[in-house]
Amino acid sequence: MKASVDISEDKVIIVKQGELITIDKPASGFGENVITWSNGEIQGDRVSYTNKR
């Protein structure tokens, strides 16, 4: 199975069980994405953001 991905924009993409999942960017533009693994499989993700003033 093959998929085509647009590489013109910065983003994080997870491939899980043959499906492409795009992870949201931090809303403020500053922050982090954390992927949680268990037994070699992705269990979830967390997006947090930082307010810059």
PDB file of N, CA and C in Angstrom:
ATOM      1  N   MET A   1       0.842  -1.169   0.000  1.00  0.00           N
ATOM      2  CA  MET A   1       0.000   0.000   0.000  1.00  0.00           C
ATOM      3  C   MET A   1       0.897   1.245   0.000  1.00  0.00           C
ATOM      4  N   LYS A   2       0.560   2.245  -0.801  1.00  0.00           N
ATOM      5  CA  LYS A   2       1.322   3.485  -0.862  1.00  0.00           C
ATOM      6  C   LYS A   2       0.387   4.668  -0.664  1.00  0.00           C
ATOM      7  N   ALA A   3       0.958   5.752  -0.124  1.00  0.00           N
ATOM      8  CA  ALA A   3       0.200   6.986   0.067  1.00  0.00           C
ATOM      9  C   ALA A   3       1.071   8.140  -0.401  1.00  0.00           C
ATOM     10  N   SER A   4       0.441   9.204  -0.812  1.00  0.00           N
ATOM     11  CA  SER A   4       1.136  10.411  -1.227  1.00  0.00           C
ATOM     12  C   SER A   4       0.963  11.467  -0.145  1.00  0.00           C
ATOM     13  N   VAL A   5       2.064  12.140   0.200  1.00  0.00           N
ATOM     14  CA  VAL A   5       2.045  13.139   1.260  1.00  0.00           C
ATOM     15  C   VAL A   5       2.549  14.463   0.707  1.00  0.00           C
ATOM     16  N   ASP A   6       1.825  15.543   0.978  1.00  0.00           N
ATOM     17  CA  ASP A   6       2.238  16.887   0.582  1.00  0.00           C
ATOM     18  C   ASP A   6       3.328  17.348   1.542  1.00  0.00           C
ATOM     19  N   ILE A   7       4.526  17.600   1.026  1.00  0.00           N
ATOM     20  CA  ILE A   7       5.639  17.988   1.894  1.00  0.00           C
ATOM     21  C   ILE A   7       5.911  19.486   1.875  1.00  0.00           C
ATOM     22  N   SER A   8       4.963  20.274   1.385  1.00  0.00           N
ATOM     23  CA  SER A   8       5.162  21.720   1.318  1.00  0.00           C
ATOM     24  C   SER A   8       4.858  22.429   2.647  1.00  0.00           C
ATOM     25  N   GLU A   9       4.297  21.717   3.622  1.00  0.00           N
ATOM     26  CA  GLU A   9       3.947  22.315   4.915  1.00  0.00           C
ATOM     27  C   GLU A   9       4.576  21.490   6.034  1.00  0.00           C
ATOM     28  N   ASP A  10       5.081  22.170   7.080  1.00  0.00           N
ATOM     29  CA  ASP A  10       5.625  21.464   8.238  1.00  0.00           C
ATOM     30  C   ASP A  10       4.480  20.807   8.988  1.00  0.00           C
ATOM     31  N   LYS A  11       4.617  19.508   9.282  1.00  0.00           N
ATOM     32  CA  LYS A  11       3.595  18.792  10.041  1.00  0.00           C
ATOM     33  C   LYS A  11       4.147  17.463  10.517  1.00  0.00           C
ATOM     34  N   VAL A  12       3.454  16.858  11.455  1.00  0.00           N
ATOM     35  CA  VAL A  12       3.795  15.535  11.957  1.00  0.00           C
ATOM     36  C   VAL A  12       2.719  14.583  11.477  1.00  0.00           C
ATOM     37  N   ILE A  13       3.155  13.476  10.884  1.00  0.00           N
ATOM     38  CA  ILE A  13       2.215  12.468  10.389  1.00  0.00           C
ATOM     39  C   ILE A  13       2.587  11.131  11.014  1.00  0.00           C
ATOM     40  N   ILE A  14       1.601  10.442  11.563  1.00  0.00           N
ATOM     41  CA  ILE A  14       1.776   9.115  12.132  1.00  0.00           C
ATOM     42  C   ILE A  14       1.161   8.113  11.161  1.00  0.00           C
ATOM     43  N   VAL A  15       1.855   7.009  10.965  1.00  0.00           N
ATOM     44  CA  VAL A  15       1.277   5.898  10.211  1.00  0.00           C
ATOM     45  C   VAL A  15       0.931   4.830  11.236  1.00  0.00           C
ATOM     46  N   LYS A  16      -0.361   4.558  11.399  1.00  0.00           N
ATOM     47  CA  LYS A  16      -0.816   3.563  12.365  1.00  0.00           C
ATOM     48  C   LYS A  16      -1.769   2.607  11.673  1.00  0.00           C
ATOM     49  N   GLN A  17      -1.388   1.353  11.635  1.00  0.00           N
ATOM     50  CA  GLN A  17      -2.190   0.299  11.014  1.00  0.00           C
ATOM     51  C   GLN A  17      -2.588   0.673   9.588  1.00  0.00           C
ATOM     52  N   GLY A  18      -1.622   1.242   8.838  1.00  0.00           N
ATOM     53  CA  GLY A  18      -1.849   1.571   7.447  1.00  0.00           C
ATOM     54  C   GLY A  18      -2.604   2.867   7.200  1.00  0.00           C
ATOM     55  N   GLU A  19      -2.932   3.594   8.240  1.00  0.00           N
ATOM     56  CA  GLU A  19      -3.682   4.845   8.107  1.00  0.00           C
ATOM     57  C   GLU A  19      -2.787   6.028   8.454  1.00  0.00           C
ATOM     58  N   LEU A  20      -2.868   7.110   7.671  1.00  0.00           N
ATOM     59  CA  LEU A  20      -2.114   8.329   7.962  1.00  0.00           C
ATOM     60  C   LEU A  20      -2.917   9.215   8.903  1.00  0.00           C
ATOM     61  N   ILE A  21      -2.285   9.637   9.982  1.00  0.00           N
ATOM     62  CA  ILE A  21      -2.928  10.507  10.967  1.00  0.00           C
ATOM     63  C   ILE A  21      -2.072  11.756  11.102  1.00  0.00           C
ATOM     64  N   THR A  22      -2.638  12.931  10.829  1.00  0.00           N
ATOM     65  CA  THR A  22      -1.922  14.193  10.961  1.00  0.00           C
ATOM     66  C   THR A  22      -2.142  14.740  12.365  1.00  0.00           C
ATOM     67  N   ILE A  23      -1.048  15.092  13.032  1.00  0.00           N
ATOM     68  CA  ILE A  23      -1.112  15.627  14.391  1.00  0.00           C
ATOM     69  C   ILE A  23      -1.253  17.144  14.315  1.00  0.00           C
ATOM     70  N   ASP A  24      -2.160  17.697  15.114  1.00  0.00           N
ATOM     71  CA  ASP A  24      -2.394  19.140  15.136  1.00  0.00           C
ATOM     72  C   ASP A  24      -1.162  19.892  15.621  1.00  0.00           C
ATOM     73  N   LYS A  25      -0.964  21.085  15.068  1.00  0.00           N
ATOM     74  CA  LYS A  25       0.092  21.978  15.537  1.00  0.00           C
ATOM     75  C   LYS A  25      -0.399  22.675  16.806  1.00  0.00           C
ATOM     76  N   PRO A  26       0.530  23.096  17.680  1.00  0.00           N
ATOM     77  CA  PRO A  26       0.114  23.903  18.827  1.00  0.00           C
ATOM     78  C   PRO A  26      -0.576  25.182  18.332  1.00  0.00           C
ATOM     79  N   ALA A  27      -1.705  25.516  18.896  1.00  0.00           N
ATOM     80  CA  ALA A  27      -2.528  26.633  18.435  1.00  0.00           C
ATOM     81  C   ALA A  27      -1.786  27.974  18.472  1.00  0.00           C
ATOM     82  N   SER A  28      -0.912  28.166  19.454  1.00  0.00           N
ATOM     83  CA  SER A  28      -0.205  29.440  19.576  1.00  0.00           C
ATOM     84  C   SER A  28       1.003  29.523  18.647  1.00  0.00           C
ATOM     85  N   GLY A  29       1.370  28.397  18.037  1.00  0.00           N
ATOM     86  CA  GLY A  29       2.568  28.369  17.208  1.00  0.00           C
ATOM     87  C   GLY A  29       3.813  27.965  17.979  1.00  0.00           C
ATOM     88  N   PHE A  30       3.721  27.894  19.304  1.00  0.00           N
ATOM     89  CA  PHE A  30       4.821  27.485  20.168  1.00  0.00           C
ATOM     90  C   PHE A  30       4.321  26.371  21.071  1.00  0.00           C
ATOM     91  N   GLY A  31       5.059  25.268  21.168  1.00  0.00           N
ATOM     92  CA  GLY A  31       4.638  24.189  22.040  1.00  0.00           C
ATOM     93  C   GLY A  31       5.312  22.891  21.681  1.00  0.00           C
ATOM     94  N   GLU A  32       4.632  21.782  21.995  1.00  0.00           N
ATOM     95  CA  GLU A  32       5.221  20.479  21.726  1.00  0.00           C
ATOM     96  C   GLU A  32       4.157  19.432  21.446  1.00  0.00           C
ATOM     97  N   ASN A  33       4.573  18.406  20.718  1.00  0.00           N
ATOM     98  CA  ASN A  33       3.751  17.237  20.457  1.00  0.00           C
ATOM     99  C   ASN A  33       4.445  16.050  21.119  1.00  0.00           C
ATOM    100  N   VAL A  34       3.711  15.260  21.885  1.00  0.00           N
ATOM    101  CA  VAL A  34       4.271  14.096  22.561  1.00  0.00           C
ATOM    102  C   VAL A  34       3.488  12.869  22.097  1.00  0.00           C
ATOM    103  N   ILE A  35       4.211  11.852  21.621  1.00  0.00           N
ATOM    104  CA  ILE A  35       3.601  10.602  21.178  1.00  0.00           C
ATOM    105  C   ILE A  35       3.852   9.562  22.264  1.00  0.00           C
ATOM    106  N   THR A  36       2.817   8.853  22.698  1.00  0.00           N
ATOM    107  CA  THR A  36       2.930   7.836  23.733  1.00  0.00           C
ATOM    108  C   THR A  36       2.934   6.453  23.094  1.00  0.00           C
ATOM    109  N   TRP A  37       3.941   5.653  23.458  1.00  0.00           N
ATOM    110  CA  TRP A  37       4.092   4.298  22.932  1.00  0.00           C
ATOM    111  C   TRP A  37       3.897   3.280  24.053  1.00  0.00           C
ATOM    112  N   SER A  38       3.357   2.104  23.709  1.00  0.00           N
ATOM    113  CA  SER A  38       3.237   0.993  24.642  1.00  0.00           C
ATOM    114  C   SER A  38       3.361  -0.306  23.855  1.00  0.00           C
ATOM    115  N   ASN A  39       4.287  -1.149  24.261  1.00  0.00           N
ATOM    116  CA  ASN A  39       4.528  -2.430  23.574  1.00  0.00           C
ATOM    117  C   ASN A  39       4.769  -2.249  22.085  1.00  0.00           C
ATOM    118  N   GLY A  40       5.499  -1.195  21.713  1.00  0.00           N
ATOM    119  CA  GLY A  40       5.841  -0.968  20.322  1.00  0.00           C
ATOM    120  C   GLY A  40       4.733  -0.404  19.463  1.00  0.00           C
ATOM    121  N   GLU A  41       3.625   0.002  20.065  1.00  0.00           N
ATOM    122  CA  GLU A  41       2.505   0.578  19.316  1.00  0.00           C
ATOM    123  C   GLU A  41       2.169   1.967  19.848  1.00  0.00           C
ATOM    124  N   ILE A  42       1.727   2.848  18.953  1.00  0.00           N
ATOM    125  CA  ILE A  42       1.315   4.184  19.358  1.00  0.00           C
ATOM    126  C   ILE A  42      -0.016   4.097  20.090  1.00  0.00           C
ATOM    127  N   GLN A  43      -0.044   4.662  21.296  1.00  0.00           N
ATOM    128  CA  GLN A  43      -1.262   4.624  22.103  1.00  0.00           C
ATOM    129  C   GLN A  43      -2.005   5.952  22.084  1.00  0.00           C
ATOM    130  N   GLY A  44      -1.294   7.060  21.840  1.00  0.00           N
ATOM    131  CA  GLY A  44      -1.963   8.359  21.828  1.00  0.00           C
ATOM    132  C   GLY A  44      -0.963   9.472  21.611  1.00  0.00           C
ATOM    133  N   ASP A  45      -1.495  10.682  21.558  1.00  0.00           N
ATOM    134  CA  ASP A  45      -0.632  11.850  21.396  1.00  0.00           C
ATOM    135  C   ASP A  45      -1.189  13.001  22.220  1.00  0.00           C
ATOM    136  N   ARG A  46      -0.290  13.934  22.543  1.00  0.00           N
ATOM    137  CA  ARG A  46      -0.687  15.101  23.327  1.00  0.00           C
ATOM    138  C   ARG A  46      -0.065  16.337  22.676  1.00  0.00           C
ATOM    139  N   VAL A  47      -0.854  17.373  22.521  1.00  0.00           N
ATOM    140  CA  VAL A  47      -0.370  18.645  21.997  1.00  0.00           C
ATOM    141  C   VAL A  47      -0.500  19.668  23.115  1.00  0.00           C
ATOM    142  N   SER A  48       0.606  20.340  23.430  1.00  0.00           N
ATOM    143  CA  SER A  48       0.551  21.415  24.420  1.00  0.00           C
ATOM    144  C   SER A  48       1.135  22.665  23.776  1.00  0.00           C
ATOM    145  N   TYR A  49       0.773  23.820  24.297  1.00  0.00           N
ATOM    146  CA  TYR A  49       1.239  25.057  23.706  1.00  0.00           C
ATOM    147  C   TYR A  49       1.749  26.014  24.769  1.00  0.00           C
ATOM    148  N   THR A  50       2.529  26.986  24.323  1.00  0.00           N
ATOM    149  CA  THR A  50       3.107  28.003  25.184  1.00  0.00           C
ATOM    150  C   THR A  50       2.670  29.365  24.652  1.00  0.00           C
ATOM    151  N   ASN A  51       2.222  30.225  25.535  1.00  0.00           N
ATOM    152  CA  ASN A  51       1.880  31.590  25.134  1.00  0.00           C
ATOM    153  C   ASN A  51       3.133  32.452  25.244  1.00  0.00           C
ATOM    154  N   LYS A  52       3.522  33.057  24.134  1.00  0.00           N
ATOM    155  CA  LYS A  52       4.671  33.974  24.121  1.00  0.00           C
ATOM    156  C   LYS A  52       4.139  35.389  24.244  1.00  0.00           C
ATOM    157  N   ARG A  53       4.734  36.174  25.111  1.00  0.00           N
ATOM    158  CA  ARG A  53       4.268  37.554  25.322  1.00  0.00           C
ATOM    159  C   ARG A  53       5.381  38.522  25.108  1.00  0.00           C
TER     160      ARG A  53
END
